[in-house]
Amino acid sequence: MTSAERTLLVTGAGGKLGRLLRRYWDKSAPKGWRVVWLSRADGSWPLQAPVRADAVLALWGVTPGGADLPMNVTLAQDAMTLAQQCGASRVLQCSSSAVYGPGVSLSEGGETIPVTDYGKAKLAMEQWVQSNPVGGIETCLMRMANVVGAESLFGAIERPGVLTLDRFADGQGPRRSYLSVSRFAEAVLALLETVSLPDVVNVANPTPVAMEALVQAAGKAMQWRDAPDGAVPVVVLETAKLDTVLGGSEPLGADEMIAEWRALGGETA
């Protein structure tokens, strides 16, 4: 550890994204940063920061389908408590594109009209963070797209059998903004280094992806069904703010996303 090296405390190390990010940084260490990983599964309660740290990345959260979605607010509060304990000056809180509801060109300044319980829980988390600033600590809410390898499509890819996708009246399947682990890692480091930390930023790869393209790239057998009422055809995040922070980034196609996921330990059934 050099004198210029800083410490990043990452919570949620035991979750899907935490494990993927750890593998990614094991292969390509974040320059200038020592990473310390913290998981609720460690049993490290009552909550106590294990080290002094310059910044906190709060990955932990209750995911869609979880039994205690309001816990997302509590975990955001815990991240701020840790930041105060360890002397951090920046906290990156993981939110979700679910706070917007369906749509295209969803931007940080647009309306937040979540349609799922998960989206409503994440919006409540955001509102708590924004309403409870802590002196000396900057916060950024990262509204994250579906993470490659850490969301339900990839669970279905890994399970045995044929995968079923919705097909809509226009003949197309679902299209989504996705977030590769490499893009997420780049975004985290850029947000830690930027002079002016945004209050809210969409975090996604710049180009949306058809779900069937990911399934096909993974070599998974699939079939279509008519989309039921309420199914969402398109969710696309606007990434201009993040692109400015990153200074530009080449989009990954479905094949490249699947290749990266496999390199981080993802396997098809």
C-alpha atoms as a PDB file:
ATOM      1  CA  MET A   1       0.000   0.000   0.000  1.00  0.00           C
ATOM      2  CA  THR A   2       1.556   3.287  -1.107  1.00  0.00           C
ATOM      3  CA  SER A   3       1.074   6.606   0.636  1.00  0.00           C
ATOM      4  CA  ALA A   4      -1.160   7.707  -2.240  1.00  0.00           C
ATOM      5  CA  GLU A   5      -3.394   4.655  -1.999  1.00  0.00           C
ATOM      6  CA  ARG A   6      -6.850   5.146  -0.545  1.00  0.00           C
ATOM      7  CA  THR A   7      -9.294   2.674   0.992  1.00  0.00           C
ATOM      8  CA  LEU A   8     -12.743   1.782  -0.341  1.00  0.00           C
ATOM      9  CA  LEU A   9     -15.098  -0.096   1.968  1.00  0.00           C
ATOM     10  CA  VAL A  10     -17.565  -2.218  -0.026  1.00  0.00           C
ATOM     11  CA  THR A  11     -20.674  -3.520   1.711  1.00  0.00           C
ATOM     12  CA  GLY A  12     -22.727  -6.407   0.362  1.00  0.00           C
ATOM     13  CA  ALA A  13     -19.681  -8.484  -0.510  1.00  0.00           C
ATOM     14  CA  GLY A  14     -21.664 -11.711  -0.288  1.00  0.00           C
ATOM     15  CA  GLY A  15     -24.349 -10.756  -2.803  1.00  0.00           C
ATOM     16  CA  LYS A  16     -24.312 -11.647  -6.495  1.00  0.00           C
ATOM     17  CA  LEU A  17     -22.957  -8.279  -7.598  1.00  0.00           C
ATOM     18  CA  GLY A  18     -20.467  -8.192  -4.740  1.00  0.00           C
ATOM     19  CA  ARG A  19     -19.052 -11.562  -5.715  1.00  0.00           C
ATOM     20  CA  LEU A  20     -18.818 -10.608  -9.401  1.00  0.00           C
ATOM     21  CA  LEU A  21     -17.159  -7.275  -8.643  1.00  0.00           C
ATOM     22  CA  ARG A  22     -14.684  -8.930  -6.314  1.00  0.00           C
ATOM     23  CA  ARG A  23     -13.697 -11.424  -9.020  1.00  0.00           C
ATOM     24  CA  TYR A  24     -13.352  -8.588 -11.517  1.00  0.00           C
ATOM     25  CA  TRP A  25     -11.124  -6.544  -9.228  1.00  0.00           C
ATOM     26  CA  ASP A  26      -9.106  -9.646  -8.317  1.00  0.00           C
ATOM     27  CA  LYS A  27      -8.223  -9.833 -12.016  1.00  0.00           C
ATOM     28  CA  SER A  28      -7.813  -6.081 -12.528  1.00  0.00           C
ATOM     29  CA  ALA A  29      -7.132  -4.263  -9.264  1.00  0.00           C
ATOM     30  CA  PRO A  30      -8.541  -0.724  -9.029  1.00  0.00           C
ATOM     31  CA  LYS A  31      -5.587   1.605  -9.414  1.00  0.00           C
ATOM     32  CA  GLY A  32      -4.914   3.730  -6.356  1.00  0.00           C
ATOM     33  CA  TRP A  33      -7.471   1.965  -4.163  1.00  0.00           C
ATOM     34  CA  ARG A  34      -7.294  -0.748  -1.538  1.00  0.00           C
ATOM     35  CA  VAL A  35     -10.671  -2.525  -1.326  1.00  0.00           C
ATOM     36  CA  VAL A  36     -12.029  -3.891   1.953  1.00  0.00           C
ATOM     37  CA  TRP A  37     -15.078  -6.154   1.677  1.00  0.00           C
ATOM     38  CA  LEU A  38     -17.878  -6.335   4.245  1.00  0.00           C
ATOM     39  CA  SER A  39     -20.845  -8.703   4.220  1.00  0.00           C
ATOM     40  CA  ARG A  40     -23.874  -9.000   6.492  1.00  0.00           C
ATOM     41  CA  ALA A  41     -23.192 -12.735   6.422  1.00  0.00           C
ATOM     42  CA  ASP A  42     -19.936 -12.084   8.293  1.00  0.00           C
ATOM     43  CA  GLY A  43     -21.978 -11.630  11.466  1.00  0.00           C
ATOM     44  CA  SER A  44     -20.175  -8.349  12.155  1.00  0.00           C
ATOM     45  CA  TRP A  45     -22.974  -6.852  14.260  1.00  0.00           C
ATOM     46  CA  PRO A  46     -23.535  -4.515  15.963  1.00  0.00           C
ATOM     47  CA  LEU A  47     -22.473  -2.539  12.936  1.00  0.00           C
ATOM     48  CA  GLN A  48     -18.865  -1.443  13.154  1.00  0.00           C
ATOM     49  CA  ALA A  49     -16.548  -0.244  10.404  1.00  0.00           C
ATOM     50  CA  PRO A  50     -13.591  -2.654  10.190  1.00  0.00           C
ATOM     51  CA  VAL A  51     -11.103  -0.032   8.934  1.00  0.00           C
ATOM     52  CA  ARG A  52     -10.591   3.634   8.296  1.00  0.00           C
ATOM     53  CA  ALA A  53     -11.735   4.327   4.745  1.00  0.00           C
ATOM     54  CA  ASP A  54     -11.952   7.176   2.280  1.00  0.00           C
ATOM     55  CA  ALA A  55     -15.184   6.057   0.618  1.00  0.00           C
ATOM     56  CA  VAL A  56     -18.017   3.540   0.965  1.00  0.00           C
ATOM     57  CA  LEU A  57     -19.665   1.613  -1.866  1.00  0.00           C
ATOM     58  CA  ALA A  58     -23.007   0.310  -0.575  1.00  0.00           C
ATOM     59  CA  LEU A  59     -23.852  -2.725  -2.689  1.00  0.00           C
ATOM     60  CA  TRP A  60     -26.102  -4.362  -0.139  1.00  0.00           C
ATOM     61  CA  GLY A  61     -29.852  -4.334  -0.572  1.00  0.00           C
ATOM     62  CA  VAL A  62     -32.945  -6.528  -0.640  1.00  0.00           C
ATOM     63  CA  THR A  63     -33.505  -7.612  -4.238  1.00  0.00           C
ATOM     64  CA  PRO A  64     -36.791  -8.092  -6.165  1.00  0.00           C
ATOM     65  CA  GLY A  65     -38.883 -10.809  -4.578  1.00  0.00           C
ATOM     66  CA  GLY A  66     -37.179 -10.348  -1.224  1.00  0.00           C
ATOM     67  CA  ALA A  67     -39.349 -10.698   1.849  1.00  0.00           C
ATOM     68  CA  ASP A  68     -38.282  -7.459   3.547  1.00  0.00           C
ATOM     69  CA  LEU A  69     -38.027  -4.759   0.873  1.00  0.00           C
ATOM     70  CA  PRO A  70     -38.306  -1.865   3.388  1.00  0.00           C
ATOM     71  CA  MET A  71     -34.920  -3.089   4.685  1.00  0.00           C
ATOM     72  CA  ASN A  72     -33.415  -1.160   1.751  1.00  0.00           C
ATOM     73  CA  VAL A  73     -33.906   2.057   3.723  1.00  0.00           C
ATOM     74  CA  THR A  74     -32.274   0.546   6.807  1.00  0.00           C
ATOM     75  CA  LEU A  75     -29.281  -0.628   4.791  1.00  0.00           C
ATOM     76  CA  ALA A  76     -28.815   2.861   3.311  1.00  0.00           C
ATOM     77  CA  GLN A  77     -28.864   4.216   6.850  1.00  0.00           C
ATOM     78  CA  ASP A  78     -26.308   1.589   7.874  1.00  0.00           C
ATOM     79  CA  ALA A  79     -24.039   2.643   5.005  1.00  0.00           C
ATOM     80  CA  MET A  80     -24.101   6.228   6.243  1.00  0.00           C
ATOM     81  CA  THR A  81     -23.359   5.055   9.792  1.00  0.00           C
ATOM     82  CA  LEU A  82     -20.368   3.102   8.501  1.00  0.00           C
ATOM     83  CA  ALA A  83     -19.172   6.130   6.557  1.00  0.00           C
ATOM     84  CA  GLN A  84     -19.237   8.233   9.707  1.00  0.00           C
ATOM     85  CA  GLN A  85     -17.414   5.538  11.674  1.00  0.00           C
ATOM     86  CA  CYS A  86     -14.654   5.051   9.119  1.00  0.00           C
ATOM     87  CA  GLY A  87     -14.190   8.722   8.186  1.00  0.00           C
ATOM     88  CA  ALA A  88     -15.332   8.367   4.570  1.00  0.00           C
ATOM     89  CA  SER A  89     -16.041  11.503   2.573  1.00  0.00           C
ATOM     90  CA  ARG A  90     -18.055   9.820  -0.204  1.00  0.00           C
ATOM     91  CA  VAL A  91     -20.786   7.176  -0.226  1.00  0.00           C
ATOM     92  CA  LEU A  92     -22.075   5.557  -3.407  1.00  0.00           C
ATOM     93  CA  GLN A  93     -25.536   4.080  -2.751  1.00  0.00           C
ATOM     94  CA  CYS A  94     -26.877   1.455  -5.157  1.00  0.00           C
ATOM     95  CA  SER A  95     -30.386   2.233  -6.347  1.00  0.00           C
ATOM     96  CA  SER A  96     -32.184   0.842  -9.397  1.00  0.00           C
ATOM     97  CA  SER A  97     -33.757   1.749 -12.714  1.00  0.00           C
ATOM     98  CA  ALA A  98     -36.931   0.298 -11.169  1.00  0.00           C
ATOM     99  CA  VAL A  99     -37.571   3.689  -9.552  1.00  0.00           C
ATOM    100  CA  TYR A 100     -38.586   5.028 -12.979  1.00  0.00           C
ATOM    101  CA  GLY A 101     -41.065   2.427 -14.129  1.00  0.00           C
ATOM    102  CA  PRO A 102     -41.105   1.391 -17.814  1.00  0.00           C
ATOM    103  CA  GLY A 103     -39.997   3.718 -20.601  1.00  0.00           C
ATOM    104  CA  VAL A 104     -37.214   4.849 -22.899  1.00  0.00           C
ATOM    105  CA  SER A 105     -34.692   7.660 -22.534  1.00  0.00           C
ATOM    106  CA  LEU A 106     -35.232   7.574 -18.773  1.00  0.00           C
ATOM    107  CA  SER A 107     -33.134  10.404 -17.364  1.00  0.00           C
ATOM    108  CA  GLU A 108     -32.126  11.462 -13.890  1.00  0.00           C
ATOM    109  CA  GLY A 109     -34.284  14.586 -14.087  1.00  0.00           C
ATOM    110  CA  GLY A 110     -37.386  12.695 -15.198  1.00  0.00           C
ATOM    111  CA  GLU A 111     -40.330  11.393 -13.211  1.00  0.00           C
ATOM    112  CA  THR A 112     -39.993   8.466 -10.843  1.00  0.00           C
ATOM    113  CA  ILE A 113     -43.157   6.369 -11.045  1.00  0.00           C
ATOM    114  CA  PRO A 114     -42.189   2.868  -9.892  1.00  0.00           C
ATOM    115  CA  VAL A 115     -44.695   0.114 -10.688  1.00  0.00           C
ATOM    116  CA  THR A 116     -43.165  -2.689  -8.594  1.00  0.00           C
ATOM    117  CA  ASP A 117     -42.789  -3.060  -4.848  1.00  0.00           C
ATOM    118  CA  TYR A 118     -39.036  -3.250  -5.373  1.00  0.00           C
ATOM    119  CA  GLY A 119     -39.001   0.028  -7.287  1.00  0.00           C
ATOM    120  CA  LYS A 120     -41.085   1.691  -4.573  1.00  0.00           C
ATOM    121  CA  ALA A 121     -38.712   0.412  -1.885  1.00  0.00           C
ATOM    122  CA  LYS A 122     -35.665   1.730  -3.743  1.00  0.00           C
ATOM    123  CA  LEU A 123     -37.351   5.110  -4.233  1.00  0.00           C
ATOM    124  CA  ALA A 124     -38.074   5.260  -0.501  1.00  0.00           C
ATOM    125  CA  MET A 125     -34.370   4.560   0.068  1.00  0.00           C
ATOM    126  CA  GLU A 126     -33.411   7.391  -2.272  1.00  0.00           C
ATOM    127  CA  GLN A 127     -35.802   9.787  -0.548  1.00  0.00           C
ATOM    128  CA  TRP A 128     -34.307   8.950   2.842  1.00  0.00           C
ATOM    129  CA  VAL A 129     -30.764   9.567   1.585  1.00  0.00           C
ATOM    130  CA  GLN A 130     -31.707  12.877  -0.006  1.00  0.00           C
ATOM    131  CA  SER A 131     -33.630  14.013   3.083  1.00  0.00           C
ATOM    132  CA  ASN A 132     -30.901  13.130   5.570  1.00  0.00           C
ATOM    133  CA  PRO A 133     -27.587  14.628   4.448  1.00  0.00           C
ATOM    134  CA  VAL A 134     -24.591  14.090   6.702  1.00  0.00           C
ATOM    135  CA  GLY A 135     -22.093  16.910   7.037  1.00  0.00           C
ATOM    136  CA  GLY A 136     -18.761  16.202   5.397  1.00  0.00           C
ATOM    137  CA  ILE A 137     -20.072  13.237   3.380  1.00  0.00           C
ATOM    138  CA  GLU A 138     -21.057  13.458  -0.287  1.00  0.00           C
ATOM    139  CA  THR A 139     -23.537  10.886  -1.543  1.00  0.00           C
ATOM    140  CA  CYS A 140     -24.426   9.626  -5.001  1.00  0.00           C
ATOM    141  CA  LEU A 141     -27.464   7.516  -5.832  1.00  0.00           C
ATOM    142  CA  MET A 142     -26.568   5.115  -8.632  1.00  0.00           C
ATOM    143  CA  ARG A 143     -29.695   4.092 -10.546  1.00  0.00           C
ATOM    144  CA  MET A 144     -28.419   0.841 -11.919  1.00  0.00           C
ATOM    145  CA  ALA A 145     -29.614  -1.125 -14.923  1.00  0.00           C
ATOM    146  CA  ASN A 146     -29.989  -4.924 -14.890  1.00  0.00           C
ATOM    147  CA  VAL A 147     -26.539  -6.245 -13.991  1.00  0.00           C
ATOM    148  CA  VAL A 148     -25.173  -8.916 -16.309  1.00  0.00           C
ATOM    149  CA  GLY A 149     -24.902 -12.110 -14.276  1.00  0.00           C
ATOM    150  CA  ALA A 150     -26.764 -10.801 -11.226  1.00  0.00           C
ATOM    151  CA  GLU A 151     -30.415 -10.648 -12.279  1.00  0.00           C
ATOM    152  CA  SER A 152     -33.229 -13.059 -13.043  1.00  0.00           C
ATOM    153  CA  LEU A 153     -32.480 -13.680 -16.740  1.00  0.00           C
ATOM    154  CA  PHE A 154     -29.105 -15.141 -15.840  1.00  0.00           C
ATOM    155  CA  GLY A 155     -30.622 -17.345 -13.176  1.00  0.00           C
ATOM    156  CA  ALA A 156     -32.904 -18.713 -15.897  1.00  0.00           C
ATOM    157  CA  ILE A 157     -29.956 -19.178 -18.270  1.00  0.00           C
ATOM    158  CA  GLU A 158     -28.142 -21.246 -15.655  1.00  0.00           C
ATOM    159  CA  ARG A 159     -31.128 -23.479 -14.833  1.00  0.00           C
ATOM    160  CA  PRO A 160     -31.721 -26.684 -16.832  1.00  0.00           C
ATOM    161  CA  GLY A 161     -34.401 -26.728 -19.509  1.00  0.00           C
ATOM    162  CA  VAL A 162     -35.724 -24.380 -22.158  1.00  0.00           C
ATOM    163  CA  LEU A 163     -35.937 -20.677 -21.309  1.00  0.00           C
ATOM    164  CA  THR A 164     -39.192 -18.855 -22.132  1.00  0.00           C
ATOM    165  CA  LEU A 165     -39.267 -15.200 -23.161  1.00  0.00           C
ATOM    166  CA  ASP A 166     -42.217 -12.879 -23.701  1.00  0.00           C
ATOM    167  CA  ARG A 167     -42.929 -11.711 -27.227  1.00  0.00           C
ATOM    168  CA  PHE A 168     -44.954  -8.552 -27.697  1.00  0.00           C
ATOM    169  CA  ALA A 169     -47.461  -7.527 -30.371  1.00  0.00           C
ATOM    170  CA  ASP A 170     -44.704  -5.966 -32.498  1.00  0.00           C
ATOM    171  CA  GLY A 171     -42.980  -9.348 -32.720  1.00  0.00           C
ATOM    172  CA  GLN A 172     -40.118  -8.248 -30.471  1.00  0.00           C
ATOM    173  CA  GLY A 173     -38.977  -9.567 -27.113  1.00  0.00           C
ATOM    174  CA  PRO A 174     -38.001  -7.483 -24.075  1.00  0.00           C
ATOM    175  CA  ARG A 175     -35.276  -4.866 -24.511  1.00  0.00           C
ATOM    176  CA  ARG A 176     -33.407  -3.534 -21.541  1.00  0.00           C
ATOM    177  CA  SER A 177     -30.515  -1.389 -20.512  1.00  0.00           C
ATOM    178  CA  TYR A 178     -27.940  -3.760 -19.056  1.00  0.00           C
ATOM    179  CA  LEU A 179     -24.878  -3.077 -16.939  1.00  0.00           C
ATOM    180  CA  SER A 180     -21.734  -5.146 -17.358  1.00  0.00           C
ATOM    181  CA  VAL A 181     -19.493  -5.609 -14.341  1.00  0.00           C
ATOM    182  CA  SER A 182     -16.616  -3.904 -16.169  1.00  0.00           C
ATOM    183  CA  ARG A 183     -18.742  -0.823 -16.868  1.00  0.00           C
ATOM    184  CA  PHE A 184     -19.916  -0.785 -13.244  1.00  0.00           C
ATOM    185  CA  ALA A 185     -16.340  -0.983 -11.968  1.00  0.00           C
ATOM    186  CA  GLU A 186     -15.315   1.867 -14.280  1.00  0.00           C
ATOM    187  CA  ALA A 187     -18.270   3.947 -13.104  1.00  0.00           C
ATOM    188  CA  VAL A 188     -17.483   3.407  -9.423  1.00  0.00           C
ATOM    189  CA  LEU A 189     -13.860   4.488  -9.811  1.00  0.00           C
ATOM    190  CA  ALA A 190     -14.810   7.488 -11.960  1.00  0.00           C
ATOM    191  CA  LEU A 191     -17.389   8.619  -9.386  1.00  0.00           C
ATOM    192  CA  LEU A 192     -14.833   8.278  -6.607  1.00  0.00           C
ATOM    193  CA  GLU A 193     -12.359  10.434  -8.528  1.00  0.00           C
ATOM    194  CA  THR A 194     -14.612  13.078 -10.095  1.00  0.00           C
ATOM    195  CA  VAL A 195     -14.374  16.589  -8.661  1.00  0.00           C
ATOM    196  CA  SER A 196     -18.127  17.153  -8.771  1.00  0.00           C
ATOM    197  CA  LEU A 197     -20.055  14.108  -7.564  1.00  0.00           C
ATOM    198  CA  PRO A 198     -23.573  13.947  -9.040  1.00  0.00           C
ATOM    199  CA  ASP A 199     -26.445  13.482  -6.580  1.00  0.00           C
ATOM    200  CA  VAL A 200     -28.057  10.914  -8.904  1.00  0.00           C
ATOM    201  CA  VAL A 201     -26.656   9.090 -11.926  1.00  0.00           C
ATOM    202  CA  ASN A 202     -27.908   6.338 -14.202  1.00  0.00           C
ATOM    203  CA  VAL A 203     -25.388   3.505 -14.425  1.00  0.00           C
ATOM    204  CA  ALA A 204     -25.762   1.325 -17.519  1.00  0.00           C
ATOM    205  CA  ASN A 205     -24.020   0.321 -20.691  1.00  0.00           C
ATOM    206  CA  PRO A 206     -24.809   2.977 -23.302  1.00  0.00           C
ATOM    207  CA  THR A 207     -26.734   0.724 -25.701  1.00  0.00           C
ATOM    208  CA  PRO A 208     -29.817  -1.368 -24.770  1.00  0.00           C
ATOM    209  CA  VAL A 209     -29.802  -5.095 -25.463  1.00  0.00           C
ATOM    210  CA  ALA A 210     -32.502  -7.522 -26.573  1.00  0.00           C
ATOM    211  CA  MET A 211     -32.875 -10.285 -24.009  1.00  0.00           C
ATOM    212  CA  GLU A 212     -33.016 -12.933 -26.714  1.00  0.00           C
ATOM    213  CA  ALA A 213     -29.598 -11.775 -27.942  1.00  0.00           C
ATOM    214  CA  LEU A 214     -28.127 -12.551 -24.516  1.00  0.00           C
ATOM    215  CA  VAL A 215     -29.876 -15.913 -24.391  1.00  0.00           C
ATOM    216  CA  GLN A 216     -28.642 -16.829 -27.855  1.00  0.00           C
ATOM    217  CA  ALA A 217     -25.107 -15.649 -27.094  1.00  0.00           C
ATOM    218  CA  ALA A 218     -25.139 -17.951 -24.074  1.00  0.00           C
ATOM    219  CA  GLY A 219     -26.148 -20.878 -26.290  1.00  0.00           C
ATOM    220  CA  LYS A 220     -29.309 -21.431 -24.267  1.00  0.00           C
ATOM    221  CA  ALA A 221     -32.370 -23.079 -25.814  1.00  0.00           C
ATOM    222  CA  MET A 222     -35.367 -20.744 -25.745  1.00  0.00           C
ATOM    223  CA  GLN A 223     -38.987 -20.457 -26.768  1.00  0.00           C
ATOM    224  CA  TRP A 224     -41.492 -17.618 -27.038  1.00  0.00           C
ATOM    225  CA  ARG A 225     -44.805 -17.001 -25.362  1.00  0.00           C
ATOM    226  CA  ASP A 226     -47.284 -14.188 -25.927  1.00  0.00           C
ATOM    227  CA  ALA A 227     -46.499 -11.436 -23.445  1.00  0.00           C
ATOM    228  CA  PRO A 228     -49.088 -11.325 -20.647  1.00  0.00           C
ATOM    229  CA  ASP A 229     -50.881  -8.151 -19.621  1.00  0.00           C
ATOM    230  CA  GLY A 230     -48.565  -5.928 -17.622  1.00  0.00           C
ATOM    231  CA  ALA A 231     -45.346  -7.246 -19.158  1.00  0.00           C
ATOM    232  CA  VAL A 232     -42.895  -4.444 -19.913  1.00  0.00           C
ATOM    233  CA  PRO A 233     -41.387  -4.405 -23.419  1.00  0.00           C
ATOM    234  CA  VAL A 234     -38.697  -1.728 -23.052  1.00  0.00           C
ATOM    235  CA  VAL A 235     -36.706  -0.076 -20.260  1.00  0.00           C
ATOM    236  CA  VAL A 236     -33.841   2.117 -21.492  1.00  0.00           C
ATOM    237  CA  LEU A 237     -31.769   4.470 -19.364  1.00  0.00           C
ATOM    238  CA  GLU A 238     -30.250   7.692 -20.630  1.00  0.00           C
ATOM    239  CA  THR A 239     -26.518   7.588 -19.833  1.00  0.00           C
ATOM    240  CA  ALA A 240     -25.298  11.031 -20.912  1.00  0.00           C
ATOM    241  CA  LYS A 241     -24.392  12.067 -17.368  1.00  0.00           C
ATOM    242  CA  LEU A 242     -22.369   8.916 -16.736  1.00  0.00           C
ATOM    243  CA  ASP A 243     -20.723   9.166 -20.159  1.00  0.00           C
ATOM    244  CA  THR A 244     -19.514  12.647 -19.189  1.00  0.00           C
ATOM    245  CA  VAL A 245     -18.022  11.319 -15.941  1.00  0.00           C
ATOM    246  CA  LEU A 246     -16.383   8.390 -17.736  1.00  0.00           C
ATOM    247  CA  GLY A 247     -15.179  10.417 -20.687  1.00  0.00           C
ATOM    248  CA  GLY A 248     -16.755   8.036 -23.186  1.00  0.00           C
ATOM    249  CA  SER A 249     -16.963   4.256 -23.284  1.00  0.00           C
ATOM    250  CA  GLU A 250     -17.353   1.701 -26.035  1.00  0.00           C
ATOM    251  CA  PRO A 251     -20.639  -0.234 -25.808  1.00  0.00           C
ATOM    252  CA  LEU A 252     -20.513  -3.991 -25.233  1.00  0.00           C
ATOM    253  CA  GLY A 253     -22.661  -6.237 -27.397  1.00  0.00           C
ATOM    254  CA  ALA A 254     -24.478  -9.331 -26.170  1.00  0.00           C
ATOM    255  CA  ASP A 255     -21.598 -11.652 -27.130  1.00  0.00           C
ATOM    256  CA  GLU A 256     -19.082  -9.552 -25.204  1.00  0.00           C
ATOM    257  CA  MET A 257     -21.351  -9.339 -22.157  1.00  0.00           C
ATOM    258  CA  ILE A 258     -21.749 -13.101 -22.073  1.00  0.00           C
ATOM    259  CA  ALA A 259     -17.999 -13.606 -22.554  1.00  0.00           C
ATOM    260  CA  GLU A 260     -17.233 -11.294 -19.624  1.00  0.00           C
ATOM    261  CA  TRP A 261     -19.816 -13.037 -17.432  1.00  0.00           C
ATOM    262  CA  ARG A 262     -18.305 -16.435 -18.220  1.00  0.00           C
ATOM    263  CA  ALA A 263     -14.820 -15.141 -17.464  1.00  0.00           C
ATOM    264  CA  LEU A 264     -16.109 -14.128 -14.015  1.00  0.00           C
ATOM    265  CA  GLY A 265     -17.439 -17.598 -13.328  1.00  0.00           C
ATOM    266  CA  GLY A 266     -20.850 -17.598 -15.013  1.00  0.00           C
ATOM    267  CA  GLU A 267     -21.777 -20.836 -16.743  1.00  0.00           C
ATOM    268  CA  THR A 268     -24.714 -21.964 -18.812  1.00  0.00           C
ATOM    269  CA  ALA A 269     -26.668 -25.020 -17.732  1.00  0.00           C
END
